[in-house]
Amino acid sequence: MATTSDVFNAVAEPQRRQILDLLAQGELSVNDIADALGVRQPQASKHLRVLREVGLVSVREEGKQRFYRLHGAGLKPIHDWV
């Protein structure tokens, strides 16, 4: 279960913003994201779950791997606010 259901709260966490920056370059696996952040895979997965639940990222499964990408429509509340 996500620790937040609000897009603004989700992006308030620095590592989640880093994940969004990484995904702005293209789709990445959860392991690629964890490596780039210097964290363990379960911690990266927790952040990705929050981002997915608020609609900021989408996921596709390929075998045992999960690949994440930005879901642009989820950024609309932030865009509208700015």
PDB file of N, CA and C in Angstrom:
ATOM      1  N   MET A   1       0.839  -1.175   0.000  1.00  0.00           N
ATOM      2  CA  MET A   1       0.000   0.000   0.000  1.00  0.00           C
ATOM      3  C   MET A   1       0.889   1.245   0.000  1.00  0.00           C
ATOM      4  N   ALA A   2       0.516   2.217  -0.792  1.00  0.00           N
ATOM      5  CA  ALA A   2       1.305   3.437  -0.913  1.00  0.00           C
ATOM      6  C   ALA A   2       1.270   4.238   0.379  1.00  0.00           C
ATOM      7  N   THR A   3       2.333   4.990   0.605  1.00  0.00           N
ATOM      8  CA  THR A   3       2.377   5.847   1.780  1.00  0.00           C
ATOM      9  C   THR A   3       1.688   7.174   1.508  1.00  0.00           C
ATOM     10  N   THR A   4       1.308   7.406   0.286  1.00  0.00           N
ATOM     11  CA  THR A   4       0.614   8.638  -0.075  1.00  0.00           C
ATOM     12  C   THR A   4      -0.264   8.379  -1.284  1.00  0.00           C
ATOM     13  N   SER A   5      -1.347   9.118  -1.383  1.00  0.00           N
ATOM     14  CA  SER A   5      -2.214   8.974  -2.555  1.00  0.00           C
ATOM     15  C   SER A   5      -2.244  10.264  -3.359  1.00  0.00           C
ATOM     16  N   ASP A   6      -1.409  11.225  -3.004  1.00  0.00           N
ATOM     17  CA  ASP A   6      -1.395  12.534  -3.631  1.00  0.00           C
ATOM     18  C   ASP A   6      -0.119  12.700  -4.453  1.00  0.00           C
ATOM     19  N   VAL A   7      -0.273  13.145  -5.682  1.00  0.00           N
ATOM     20  CA  VAL A   7       0.882  13.328  -6.563  1.00  0.00           C
ATOM     21  C   VAL A   7       1.911  14.263  -5.934  1.00  0.00           C
ATOM     22  N   PHE A   8       1.459  15.335  -5.307  1.00  0.00           N
ATOM     23  CA  PHE A   8       2.384  16.303  -4.720  1.00  0.00           C
ATOM     24  C   PHE A   8       3.195  15.681  -3.584  1.00  0.00           C
ATOM     25  N   ASN A   9       2.542  14.886  -2.740  1.00  0.00           N
ATOM     26  CA  ASN A   9       3.270  14.203  -1.669  1.00  0.00           C
ATOM     27  C   ASN A   9       4.235  13.171  -2.233  1.00  0.00           C
ATOM     28  N   ALA A  10       3.826  12.495  -3.285  1.00  0.00           N
ATOM     29  CA  ALA A  10       4.686  11.472  -3.890  1.00  0.00           C
ATOM     30  C   ALA A  10       5.979  12.084  -4.415  1.00  0.00           C
ATOM     31  N   VAL A  11       5.904  13.238  -5.057  1.00  0.00           N
ATOM     32  CA  VAL A  11       7.111  13.847  -5.627  1.00  0.00           C
ATOM     33  C   VAL A  11       7.879  14.686  -4.610  1.00  0.00           C
ATOM     34  N   ALA A  12       7.344  14.833  -3.409  1.00  0.00           N
ATOM     35  CA  ALA A  12       8.059  15.571  -2.370  1.00  0.00           C
ATOM     36  C   ALA A  12       9.273  14.787  -1.865  1.00  0.00           C
ATOM     37  N   GLU A  13       9.276  13.486  -2.063  1.00  0.00           N
ATOM     38  CA  GLU A  13      10.370  12.624  -1.598  1.00  0.00           C
ATOM     39  C   GLU A  13      11.512  12.682  -2.619  1.00  0.00           C
ATOM     40  N   PRO A  14      12.719  13.070  -2.196  1.00  0.00           N
ATOM     41  CA  PRO A  14      13.830  13.267  -3.138  1.00  0.00           C
ATOM     42  C   PRO A  14      14.170  12.060  -4.014  1.00  0.00           C
ATOM     43  N   GLN A  15      14.161  10.855  -3.462  1.00  0.00           N
ATOM     44  CA  GLN A  15      14.505   9.697  -4.295  1.00  0.00           C
ATOM     45  C   GLN A  15      13.437   9.434  -5.351  1.00  0.00           C
ATOM     46  N   ARG A  16      12.196   9.751  -5.061  1.00  0.00           N
ATOM     47  CA  ARG A  16      11.148   9.584  -6.077  1.00  0.00           C
ATOM     48  C   ARG A  16      11.342  10.580  -7.209  1.00  0.00           C
ATOM     49  N   ARG A  17      11.769  11.795  -6.884  1.00  0.00           N
ATOM     50  CA  ARG A  17      12.076  12.767  -7.940  1.00  0.00           C
ATOM     51  C   ARG A  17      13.252  12.282  -8.775  1.00  0.00           C
ATOM     52  N   GLN A  18      14.241  11.675  -8.142  1.00  0.00           N
ATOM     53  CA  GLN A  18      15.373  11.120  -8.892  1.00  0.00           C
ATOM     54  C   GLN A  18      14.898  10.024  -9.842  1.00  0.00           C
ATOM     55  N   ILE A  19      13.976   9.199  -9.378  1.00  0.00           N
ATOM     56  CA  ILE A  19      13.432   8.141 -10.234  1.00  0.00           C
ATOM     57  C   ILE A  19      12.739   8.754 -11.439  1.00  0.00           C
ATOM     58  N   LEU A  20      11.951   9.798 -11.224  1.00  0.00           N
ATOM     59  CA  LEU A  20      11.272  10.455 -12.343  1.00  0.00           C
ATOM     60  C   LEU A  20      12.290  11.029 -13.325  1.00  0.00           C
ATOM     61  N   ASP A  21      13.372  11.607 -12.810  1.00  0.00           N
ATOM     62  CA  ASP A  21      14.429  12.123 -13.691  1.00  0.00           C
ATOM     63  C   ASP A  21      15.055  11.001 -14.515  1.00  0.00           C
ATOM     64  N   LEU A  22      15.311   9.868 -13.882  1.00  0.00           N
ATOM     65  CA  LEU A  22      15.877   8.724 -14.604  1.00  0.00           C
ATOM     66  C   LEU A  22      14.930   8.246 -15.696  1.00  0.00           C
ATOM     67  N   LEU A  23      13.650   8.145 -15.361  1.00  0.00           N
ATOM     68  CA  LEU A  23      12.672   7.634 -16.317  1.00  0.00           C
ATOM     69  C   LEU A  23      12.367   8.630 -17.430  1.00  0.00           C
ATOM     70  N   ALA A  24      12.716   9.898 -17.222  1.00  0.00           N
ATOM     71  CA  ALA A  24      12.546  10.884 -18.293  1.00  0.00           C
ATOM     72  C   ALA A  24      13.449  10.545 -19.478  1.00  0.00           C
ATOM     73  N   GLN A  25      14.504   9.759 -19.223  1.00  0.00           N
ATOM     74  CA  GLN A  25      15.425   9.339 -20.284  1.00  0.00           C
ATOM     75  C   GLN A  25      14.938   8.097 -21.018  1.00  0.00           C
ATOM     76  N   GLY A  26      13.958   7.393 -20.432  1.00  0.00           N
ATOM     77  CA  GLY A  26      13.426   6.190 -21.060  1.00  0.00           C
ATOM     78  C   GLY A  26      13.130   5.103 -20.047  1.00  0.00           C
ATOM     79  N   GLU A  27      12.583   4.031 -20.541  1.00  0.00           N
ATOM     80  CA  GLU A  27      12.176   2.897 -19.717  1.00  0.00           C
ATOM     81  C   GLU A  27      13.387   2.229 -19.060  1.00  0.00           C
ATOM     82  N   LEU A  28      13.218   1.844 -17.788  1.00  0.00           N
ATOM     83  CA  LEU A  28      14.286   1.170 -17.044  1.00  0.00           C
ATOM     84  C   LEU A  28      13.714   0.038 -16.204  1.00  0.00           C
ATOM     85  N   SER A  29      14.550  -0.955 -15.952  1.00  0.00           N
ATOM     86  CA  SER A  29      14.143  -2.030 -15.044  1.00  0.00           C
ATOM     87  C   SER A  29      14.297  -1.547 -13.605  1.00  0.00           C
ATOM     88  N   VAL A  30      13.607  -2.223 -12.703  1.00  0.00           N
ATOM     89  CA  VAL A  30      13.720  -1.868 -11.294  1.00  0.00           C
ATOM     90  C   VAL A  30      15.164  -2.016 -10.821  1.00  0.00           C
ATOM     91  N   ASN A  31      15.886  -3.002 -11.332  1.00  0.00           N
ATOM     92  CA  ASN A  31      17.291  -3.177 -10.941  1.00  0.00           C
ATOM     93  C   ASN A  31      18.163  -2.039 -11.454  1.00  0.00           C
ATOM     94  N   ASP A  32      17.901  -1.564 -12.668  1.00  0.00           N
ATOM     95  CA  ASP A  32      18.643  -0.414 -13.200  1.00  0.00           C
ATOM     96  C   ASP A  32      18.403   0.821 -12.335  1.00  0.00           C
ATOM     97  N   ILE A  33      17.165   1.005 -11.914  1.00  0.00           N
ATOM     98  CA  ILE A  33      16.814   2.157 -11.076  1.00  0.00           C
ATOM     99  C   ILE A  33      17.503   2.049  -9.721  1.00  0.00           C
ATOM    100  N   ALA A  34      17.449   0.876  -9.119  1.00  0.00           N
ATOM    101  CA  ALA A  34      18.101   0.670  -7.822  1.00  0.00           C
ATOM    102  C   ALA A  34      19.600   0.943  -7.922  1.00  0.00           C
ATOM    103  N   ASP A  35      20.234   0.439  -8.969  1.00  0.00           N
ATOM    104  CA  ASP A  35      21.673   0.669  -9.161  1.00  0.00           C
ATOM    105  C   ASP A  35      21.985   2.151  -9.319  1.00  0.00           C
ATOM    106  N   ALA A  36      21.182   2.854 -10.109  1.00  0.00           N
ATOM    107  CA  ALA A  36      21.418   4.281 -10.344  1.00  0.00           C
ATOM    108  C   ALA A  36      21.258   5.099  -9.067  1.00  0.00           C
ATOM    109  N   LEU A  37      20.342   4.679  -8.195  1.00  0.00           N
ATOM    110  CA  LEU A  37      20.113   5.397  -6.942  1.00  0.00           C
ATOM    111  C   LEU A  37      21.064   4.963  -5.836  1.00  0.00           C
ATOM    112  N   GLY A  38      21.717   3.826  -6.032  1.00  0.00           N
ATOM    113  CA  GLY A  38      22.588   3.294  -4.986  1.00  0.00           C
ATOM    114  C   GLY A  38      21.815   2.720  -3.816  1.00  0.00           C
ATOM    115  N   VAL A  39      20.645   2.139  -4.102  1.00  0.00           N
ATOM    116  CA  VAL A  39      19.811   1.535  -3.063  1.00  0.00           C
ATOM    117  C   VAL A  39      19.556   0.074  -3.418  1.00  0.00           C
ATOM    118  N   ARG A  40      19.010  -0.658  -2.472  1.00  0.00           N
ATOM    119  CA  ARG A  40      18.649  -2.049  -2.731  1.00  0.00           C
ATOM    120  C   ARG A  40      17.335  -2.100  -3.498  1.00  0.00           C
ATOM    121  N   GLN A  41      17.134  -3.190  -4.215  1.00  0.00           N
ATOM    122  CA  GLN A  41      15.949  -3.347  -5.061  1.00  0.00           C
ATOM    123  C   GLN A  41      14.639  -3.195  -4.286  1.00  0.00           C
ATOM    124  N   PRO A  42      14.489  -3.749  -3.064  1.00  0.00           N
ATOM    125  CA  PRO A  42      13.214  -3.571  -2.352  1.00  0.00           C
ATOM    126  C   PRO A  42      12.882  -2.106  -2.060  1.00  0.00           C
ATOM    127  N   GLN A  43      13.899  -1.303  -1.766  1.00  0.00           N
ATOM    128  CA  GLN A  43      13.652   0.118  -1.507  1.00  0.00           C
ATOM    129  C   GLN A  43      13.213   0.825  -2.786  1.00  0.00           C
ATOM    130  N   ALA A  44      13.863   0.522  -3.891  1.00  0.00           N
ATOM    131  CA  ALA A  44      13.460   1.108  -5.173  1.00  0.00           C
ATOM    132  C   ALA A  44      12.042   0.680  -5.523  1.00  0.00           C
ATOM    133  N   SER A  45      11.719  -0.583  -5.292  1.00  0.00           N
ATOM    134  CA  SER A  45      10.372  -1.086  -5.595  1.00  0.00           C
ATOM    135  C   SER A  45       9.313  -0.373  -4.773  1.00  0.00           C
ATOM    136  N   LYS A  46       9.629  -0.068  -3.524  1.00  0.00           N
ATOM    137  CA  LYS A  46       8.676   0.648  -2.664  1.00  0.00           C
ATOM    138  C   LYS A  46       8.374   2.034  -3.246  1.00  0.00           C
ATOM    139  N   HIS A  47       9.415   2.747  -3.648  1.00  0.00           N
ATOM    140  CA  HIS A  47       9.215   4.071  -4.244  1.00  0.00           C
ATOM    141  C   HIS A  47       8.442   3.961  -5.559  1.00  0.00           C
ATOM    142  N   LEU A  48       8.771   2.967  -6.360  1.00  0.00           N
ATOM    143  CA  LEU A  48       8.080   2.781  -7.642  1.00  0.00           C
ATOM    144  C   LEU A  48       6.609   2.443  -7.438  1.00  0.00           C
ATOM    145  N   ARG A  49       6.305   1.685  -6.395  1.00  0.00           N
ATOM    146  CA  ARG A  49       4.905   1.361  -6.104  1.00  0.00           C
ATOM    147  C   ARG A  49       4.114   2.634  -5.801  1.00  0.00           C
ATOM    148  N   VAL A  50       4.691   3.520  -4.999  1.00  0.00           N
ATOM    149  CA  VAL A  50       4.020   4.786  -4.684  1.00  0.00           C
ATOM    150  C   VAL A  50       3.796   5.587  -5.965  1.00  0.00           C
ATOM    151  N   LEU A  51       4.830   5.692  -6.788  1.00  0.00           N
ATOM    152  CA  LEU A  51       4.706   6.451  -8.037  1.00  0.00           C
ATOM    153  C   LEU A  51       3.676   5.826  -8.972  1.00  0.00           C
ATOM    154  N   ARG A  52       3.608   4.506  -8.989  1.00  0.00           N
ATOM    155  CA  ARG A  52       2.625   3.816  -9.833  1.00  0.00           C
ATOM    156  C   ARG A  52       1.208   4.050  -9.313  1.00  0.00           C
ATOM    157  N   GLU A  53       1.023   3.992  -8.003  1.00  0.00           N
ATOM    158  CA  GLU A  53      -0.312   4.140  -7.421  1.00  0.00           C
ATOM    159  C   GLU A  53      -0.883   5.539  -7.601  1.00  0.00           C
ATOM    160  N   VAL A  54      -0.029   6.550  -7.736  1.00  0.00           N
ATOM    161  CA  VAL A  54      -0.537   7.904  -7.983  1.00  0.00           C
ATOM    162  C   VAL A  54      -0.555   8.233  -9.470  1.00  0.00           C
ATOM    163  N   GLY A  55      -0.202   7.264 -10.307  1.00  0.00           N
ATOM    164  CA  GLY A  55      -0.317   7.429 -11.750  1.00  0.00           C
ATOM    165  C   GLY A  55       0.847   8.106 -12.441  1.00  0.00           C
ATOM    166  N   LEU A  56       2.008   8.174 -11.791  1.00  0.00           N
ATOM    167  CA  LEU A  56       3.158   8.842 -12.401  1.00  0.00           C
ATOM    168  C   LEU A  56       4.016   7.924 -13.256  1.00  0.00           C
ATOM    169  N   VAL A  57       3.966   6.631 -12.986  1.00  0.00           N
ATOM    170  CA  VAL A  57       4.711   5.665 -13.791  1.00  0.00           C
ATOM    171  C   VAL A  57       3.810   4.490 -14.130  1.00  0.00           C
ATOM    172  N   SER A  58       4.176   3.810 -15.189  1.00  0.00           N
ATOM    173  CA  SER A  58       3.492   2.564 -15.541  1.00  0.00           C
ATOM    174  C   SER A  58       4.543   1.468 -15.603  1.00  0.00           C
ATOM    175  N   VAL A  59       4.088   0.234 -15.542  1.00  0.00           N
ATOM    176  CA  VAL A  59       4.999  -0.908 -15.482  1.00  0.00           C
ATOM    177  C   VAL A  59       4.573  -1.954 -16.498  1.00  0.00           C
ATOM    178  N   ARG A  60       5.569  -2.620 -17.058  1.00  0.00           N
ATOM    179  CA  ARG A  60       5.284  -3.788 -17.889  1.00  0.00           C
ATOM    180  C   ARG A  60       6.208  -4.896 -17.419  1.00  0.00           C
ATOM    181  N   GLU A  61       5.674  -6.095 -17.483  1.00  0.00           N
ATOM    182  CA  GLU A  61       6.449  -7.250 -17.053  1.00  0.00           C
ATOM    183  C   GLU A  61       6.956  -8.010 -18.266  1.00  0.00           C
ATOM    184  N   GLU A  62       8.194  -8.433 -18.171  1.00  0.00           N
ATOM    185  CA  GLU A  62       8.811  -9.248 -19.215  1.00  0.00           C
ATOM    186  C   GLU A  62       9.558 -10.367 -18.495  1.00  0.00           C
ATOM    187  N   GLY A  63       8.961 -11.543 -18.502  1.00  0.00           N
ATOM    188  CA  GLY A  63       9.527 -12.630 -17.714  1.00  0.00           C
ATOM    189  C   GLY A  63       9.440 -12.282 -16.246  1.00  0.00           C
ATOM    190  N   LYS A  64      10.572 -12.349 -15.564  1.00  0.00           N
ATOM    191  CA  LYS A  64      10.598 -12.026 -14.135  1.00  0.00           C
ATOM    192  C   LYS A  64      10.955 -10.567 -13.877  1.00  0.00           C
ATOM    193  N   GLN A  65      11.233  -9.820 -14.925  1.00  0.00           N
ATOM    194  CA  GLN A  65      11.636  -8.424 -14.756  1.00  0.00           C
ATOM    195  C   GLN A  65      10.458  -7.483 -14.933  1.00  0.00           C
ATOM    196  N   ARG A  66      10.552  -6.348 -14.242  1.00  0.00           N
ATOM    197  CA  ARG A  66       9.569  -5.279 -14.388  1.00  0.00           C
ATOM    198  C   ARG A  66      10.289  -4.058 -14.944  1.00  0.00           C
ATOM    199  N   PHE A  67       9.671  -3.454 -15.943  1.00  0.00           N
ATOM    200  CA  PHE A  67      10.223  -2.263 -16.571  1.00  0.00           C
ATOM    201  C   PHE A  67       9.262  -1.104 -16.345  1.00  0.00           C
ATOM    202  N   TYR A  68       9.814   0.024 -15.923  1.00  0.00           N
ATOM    203  CA  TYR A  68       9.013   1.199 -15.590  1.00  0.00           C
ATOM    204  C   TYR A  68       9.266   2.312 -16.588  1.00  0.00           C
ATOM    205  N   ARG A  69       8.219   3.112 -16.812  1.00  0.00           N
ATOM    206  CA  ARG A  69       8.333   4.294 -17.671  1.00  0.00           C
ATOM    207  C   ARG A  69       7.402   5.368 -17.125  1.00  0.00           C
ATOM    208  N   LEU A  70       7.684   6.606 -17.494  1.00  0.00           N
ATOM    209  CA  LEU A  70       6.831   7.717 -17.070  1.00  0.00           C
ATOM    210  C   LEU A  70       5.449   7.582 -17.675  1.00  0.00           C
ATOM    211  N   HIS A  71       4.469   8.006 -16.921  1.00  0.00           N
ATOM    212  CA  HIS A  71       3.093   8.078 -17.410  1.00  0.00           C
ATOM    213  C   HIS A  71       2.727   9.560 -17.363  1.00  0.00           C
ATOM    214  N   GLY A  72       2.900  10.231 -18.492  1.00  0.00           N
ATOM    215  CA  GLY A  72       2.782  11.683 -18.558  1.00  0.00           C
ATOM    216  C   GLY A  72       1.496  12.262 -18.016  1.00  0.00           C
ATOM    217  N   ALA A  73       0.384  11.567 -18.206  1.00  0.00           N
ATOM    218  CA  ALA A  73      -0.902  12.093 -17.730  1.00  0.00           C
ATOM    219  C   ALA A  73      -0.903  12.269 -16.216  1.00  0.00           C
ATOM    220  N   GLY A  74      -0.120  11.477 -15.510  1.00  0.00           N
ATOM    221  CA  GLY A  74      -0.060  11.591 -14.056  1.00  0.00           C
ATOM    222  C   GLY A  74       0.558  12.891 -13.587  1.00  0.00           C
ATOM    223  N   LEU A  75       1.329  13.544 -14.462  1.00  0.00           N
ATOM    224  CA  LEU A  75       1.965  14.811 -14.111  1.00  0.00           C
ATOM    225  C   LEU A  75       1.041  16.012 -14.298  1.00  0.00           C
ATOM    226  N   LYS A  76      -0.149  15.796 -14.838  1.00  0.00           N
ATOM    227  CA  LYS A  76      -1.068  16.899 -15.126  1.00  0.00           C
ATOM    228  C   LYS A  76      -1.378  17.762 -13.903  1.00  0.00           C
ATOM    229  N   PRO A  77      -1.659  17.181 -12.720  1.00  0.00           N
ATOM    230  CA  PRO A  77      -1.928  18.048 -11.565  1.00  0.00           C
ATOM    231  C   PRO A  77      -0.781  18.998 -11.247  1.00  0.00           C
ATOM    232  N   ILE A  78       0.453  18.534 -11.416  1.00  0.00           N
ATOM    233  CA  ILE A  78       1.609  19.392 -11.159  1.00  0.00           C
ATOM    234  C   ILE A  78       1.712  20.456 -12.243  1.00  0.00           C
ATOM    235  N   HIS A  79       1.529  20.060 -13.487  1.00  0.00           N
ATOM    236  CA  HIS A  79       1.566  21.006 -14.601  1.00  0.00           C
ATOM    237  C   HIS A  79       0.497  22.082 -14.425  1.00  0.00           C
ATOM    238  N   ASP A  80      -0.700  21.679 -14.056  1.00  0.00           N
ATOM    239  CA  ASP A  80      -1.793  22.636 -13.858  1.00  0.00           C
ATOM    240  C   ASP A  80      -1.495  23.598 -12.716  1.00  0.00           C
ATOM    241  N   TRP A  81      -0.842  23.112 -11.677  1.00  0.00           N
ATOM    242  CA  TRP A  81      -0.527  23.944 -10.532  1.00  0.00           C
ATOM    243  C   TRP A  81       0.525  24.986 -10.879  1.00  0.00           C
ATOM    244  N   VAL A  82       1.530  24.563 -11.669  1.00  0.00           N
ATOM    245  CA  VAL A  82       2.618  25.473 -12.043  1.00  0.00           C
ATOM    246  C   VAL A  82       2.073  26.470 -13.034  1.00  0.00           C
TER     247      VAL A  82
END
